[in-house]
Amino acid sequence: MSPILAYCGSFVFLGLGGSLNAANVFAALVVFQGFRVSLIMIPASLVYWAQIQVSLRRVADFLLQPEVTAIASIPVVDGVYSSRAALIFDSAVFKWHALKSVESAPKDS
């Protein structure tokens, strides 16, 4: 049911009782606003609760996994790496490119 219909219905019954004045109308509006906020929070809290349950289940599943005891290594047979390796660097050298200093860079004139 729409909140507007609830407001209208309540004010009709309030008016039929003969006590429809500004104090009663504003007090009723404050009460309805309080109900509206709390009623909006019920579906939102159900969604949050479902998300919390999923997250806790995932964390529990992760923490209950068996410990990893061995680190995978590339097998070496007779000094030659196995062909099962995805990537092998043999006698590789890695170097960062040197940046030119600010003084030696050409100036725009």
C-alpha atoms as a PDB file:
ATOM      1  CA  MET A   1       0.000   0.000   0.000  1.00  0.00           C
ATOM      2  CA  SER A   2       1.265   3.428  -0.866  1.00  0.00           C
ATOM      3  CA  PRO A   3       2.331   5.704   1.999  1.00  0.00           C
ATOM      4  CA  ILE A   4       0.208   8.477   0.503  1.00  0.00           C
ATOM      5  CA  LEU A   5      -2.897   6.296   0.769  1.00  0.00           C
ATOM      6  CA  ALA A   6      -1.996   5.481   4.376  1.00  0.00           C
ATOM      7  CA  TYR A   7      -1.642   9.206   5.134  1.00  0.00           C
ATOM      8  CA  CYS A   8      -4.960  10.032   3.497  1.00  0.00           C
ATOM      9  CA  GLY A   9      -6.783   7.192   5.220  1.00  0.00           C
ATOM     10  CA  SER A  10      -5.393   8.147   8.604  1.00  0.00           C
ATOM     11  CA  PHE A  11      -6.350  11.790   8.184  1.00  0.00           C
ATOM     12  CA  VAL A  12      -9.859  10.828   7.075  1.00  0.00           C
ATOM     13  CA  PHE A  13     -10.341   8.782  10.246  1.00  0.00           C
ATOM     14  CA  LEU A  14      -8.686  11.526  12.302  1.00  0.00           C
ATOM     15  CA  GLY A  15     -11.059  14.061  10.736  1.00  0.00           C
ATOM     16  CA  LEU A  16     -14.101  11.887  11.380  1.00  0.00           C
ATOM     17  CA  GLY A  17     -13.204  11.872  15.063  1.00  0.00           C
ATOM     18  CA  GLY A  18     -13.508  15.647  15.064  1.00  0.00           C
ATOM     19  CA  SER A  19      -9.972  16.386  16.310  1.00  0.00           C
ATOM     20  CA  LEU A  20      -8.373  17.499  13.038  1.00  0.00           C
ATOM     21  CA  ASN A  21      -6.191  20.439  14.066  1.00  0.00           C
ATOM     22  CA  ALA A  22      -2.645  21.477  13.193  1.00  0.00           C
ATOM     23  CA  ALA A  23      -1.054  19.924  16.294  1.00  0.00           C
ATOM     24  CA  ASN A  24      -2.595  16.508  15.611  1.00  0.00           C
ATOM     25  CA  VAL A  25      -1.790  16.644  11.888  1.00  0.00           C
ATOM     26  CA  PHE A  26       1.898  17.517  12.458  1.00  0.00           C
ATOM     27  CA  ALA A  27       2.210  14.904  15.218  1.00  0.00           C
ATOM     28  CA  ALA A  28       0.743  12.281  12.880  1.00  0.00           C
ATOM     29  CA  LEU A  29       3.146  13.318  10.090  1.00  0.00           C
ATOM     30  CA  VAL A  30       6.119  12.908  12.431  1.00  0.00           C
ATOM     31  CA  VAL A  31       4.936   9.440  13.475  1.00  0.00           C
ATOM     32  CA  PHE A  32       4.372   8.407   9.843  1.00  0.00           C
ATOM     33  CA  GLN A  33       7.834   9.666   8.884  1.00  0.00           C
ATOM     34  CA  GLY A  34       9.347   7.590  11.691  1.00  0.00           C
ATOM     35  CA  PHE A  35       7.456   4.500  10.508  1.00  0.00           C
ATOM     36  CA  ARG A  36       8.518   5.114   6.922  1.00  0.00           C
ATOM     37  CA  VAL A  37      12.219   5.198   7.768  1.00  0.00           C
ATOM     38  CA  SER A  38      12.020   2.057   9.889  1.00  0.00           C
ATOM     39  CA  LEU A  39       9.973   0.204   7.286  1.00  0.00           C
ATOM     40  CA  ILE A  40      12.473   1.110   4.577  1.00  0.00           C
ATOM     41  CA  MET A  41      15.278  -0.337   6.708  1.00  0.00           C
ATOM     42  CA  ILE A  42      13.647  -3.791   7.014  1.00  0.00           C
ATOM     43  CA  PRO A  43      14.185  -4.872   3.366  1.00  0.00           C
ATOM     44  CA  ALA A  44      17.619  -3.227   3.295  1.00  0.00           C
ATOM     45  CA  SER A  45      18.681  -5.039   6.453  1.00  0.00           C
ATOM     46  CA  LEU A  46      17.516  -8.364   4.979  1.00  0.00           C
ATOM     47  CA  VAL A  47      19.739  -7.769   1.952  1.00  0.00           C
ATOM     48  CA  TYR A  48      22.679  -6.852   4.205  1.00  0.00           C
ATOM     49  CA  TRP A  49      22.089  -9.957   6.326  1.00  0.00           C
ATOM     50  CA  ALA A  50      22.142 -12.183   3.225  1.00  0.00           C
ATOM     51  CA  GLN A  51      25.391 -10.546   2.053  1.00  0.00           C
ATOM     52  CA  ILE A  52      26.964 -11.032   5.484  1.00  0.00           C
ATOM     53  CA  GLN A  53      26.044 -14.723   5.452  1.00  0.00           C
ATOM     54  CA  VAL A  54      27.594 -15.234   2.011  1.00  0.00           C
ATOM     55  CA  SER A  55      30.764 -13.381   3.042  1.00  0.00           C
ATOM     56  CA  LEU A  56      31.125 -15.324   6.282  1.00  0.00           C
ATOM     57  CA  ARG A  57      30.624 -18.625   4.444  1.00  0.00           C
ATOM     58  CA  ARG A  58      33.344 -17.675   1.946  1.00  0.00           C
ATOM     59  CA  VAL A  59      35.765 -16.671   4.704  1.00  0.00           C
ATOM     60  CA  ALA A  60      35.035 -19.903   6.601  1.00  0.00           C
ATOM     61  CA  ASP A  61      35.580 -21.983   3.442  1.00  0.00           C
ATOM     62  CA  PHE A  62      38.891 -20.207   2.844  1.00  0.00           C
ATOM     63  CA  LEU A  63      40.080 -20.656   6.417  1.00  0.00           C
ATOM     64  CA  LEU A  64      39.131 -24.343   6.442  1.00  0.00           C
ATOM     65  CA  GLN A  65      41.257 -25.115   3.375  1.00  0.00           C
ATOM     66  CA  PRO A  66      44.234 -27.382   4.059  1.00  0.00           C
ATOM     67  CA  GLU A  67      47.604 -25.734   4.579  1.00  0.00           C
ATOM     68  CA  VAL A  68      49.970 -25.519   1.628  1.00  0.00           C
ATOM     69  CA  THR A  69      53.159 -27.221   2.697  1.00  0.00           C
ATOM     70  CA  ALA A  70      55.205 -27.458  -0.477  1.00  0.00           C
ATOM     71  CA  ILE A  71      56.062 -24.779  -2.983  1.00  0.00           C
ATOM     72  CA  ALA A  72      55.908 -25.879  -6.598  1.00  0.00           C
ATOM     73  CA  SER A  73      59.276 -25.851  -8.290  1.00  0.00           C
ATOM     74  CA  ILE A  74      60.528 -26.547 -11.787  1.00  0.00           C
ATOM     75  CA  PRO A  75      61.932 -30.062 -11.913  1.00  0.00           C
ATOM     76  CA  VAL A  76      65.505 -30.393 -13.206  1.00  0.00           C
ATOM     77  CA  VAL A  77      66.583 -33.707 -14.748  1.00  0.00           C
ATOM     78  CA  ASP A  78      70.297 -34.136 -15.561  1.00  0.00           C
ATOM     79  CA  GLY A  79      70.844 -30.369 -15.427  1.00  0.00           C
ATOM     80  CA  VAL A  80      68.029 -29.665 -17.915  1.00  0.00           C
ATOM     81  CA  TYR A  81      64.752 -28.055 -16.938  1.00  0.00           C
ATOM     82  CA  SER A  82      61.631 -30.098 -17.546  1.00  0.00           C
ATOM     83  CA  SER A  83      59.482 -29.234 -20.537  1.00  0.00           C
ATOM     84  CA  ARG A  84      56.498 -28.819 -18.217  1.00  0.00           C
ATOM     85  CA  ALA A  85      57.709 -25.362 -17.225  1.00  0.00           C
ATOM     86  CA  ALA A  86      55.676 -22.530 -18.681  1.00  0.00           C
ATOM     87  CA  LEU A  87      58.527 -20.028 -18.712  1.00  0.00           C
ATOM     88  CA  ILE A  88      62.251 -20.472 -18.156  1.00  0.00           C
ATOM     89  CA  PHE A  89      64.945 -17.778 -18.017  1.00  0.00           C
ATOM     90  CA  ASP A  90      68.445 -19.153 -18.472  1.00  0.00           C
ATOM     91  CA  SER A  91      71.347 -16.744 -17.885  1.00  0.00           C
ATOM     92  CA  ALA A  92      68.981 -13.784 -18.124  1.00  0.00           C
ATOM     93  CA  VAL A  93      69.910 -10.204 -17.239  1.00  0.00           C
ATOM     94  CA  PHE A  94      67.230  -7.678 -16.297  1.00  0.00           C
ATOM     95  CA  LYS A  95      67.811  -3.948 -16.218  1.00  0.00           C
ATOM     96  CA  TRP A  96      65.686  -0.834 -15.901  1.00  0.00           C
ATOM     97  CA  HIS A  97      66.053   1.780 -18.606  1.00  0.00           C
ATOM     98  CA  ALA A  98      68.071   4.731 -17.362  1.00  0.00           C
ATOM     99  CA  LEU A  99      66.271   8.054 -17.470  1.00  0.00           C
ATOM    100  CA  LYS A 100      67.994  11.051 -18.986  1.00  0.00           C
ATOM    101  CA  SER A 101      68.846  13.673 -16.473  1.00  0.00           C
ATOM    102  CA  VAL A 102      66.952  16.946 -16.562  1.00  0.00           C
ATOM    103  CA  GLU A 103      70.109  18.929 -17.397  1.00  0.00           C
ATOM    104  CA  SER A 104      70.998  16.897 -20.483  1.00  0.00           C
ATOM    105  CA  ALA A 105      67.461  16.919 -21.891  1.00  0.00           C
ATOM    106  CA  PRO A 106      66.949  19.319 -24.842  1.00  0.00           C
ATOM    107  CA  LYS A 107      65.331  22.608 -23.952  1.00  0.00           C
ATOM    108  CA  ASP A 108      62.405  23.978 -25.901  1.00  0.00           C
ATOM    109  CA  SER A 109      63.242  27.525 -26.948  1.00  0.00           C
END
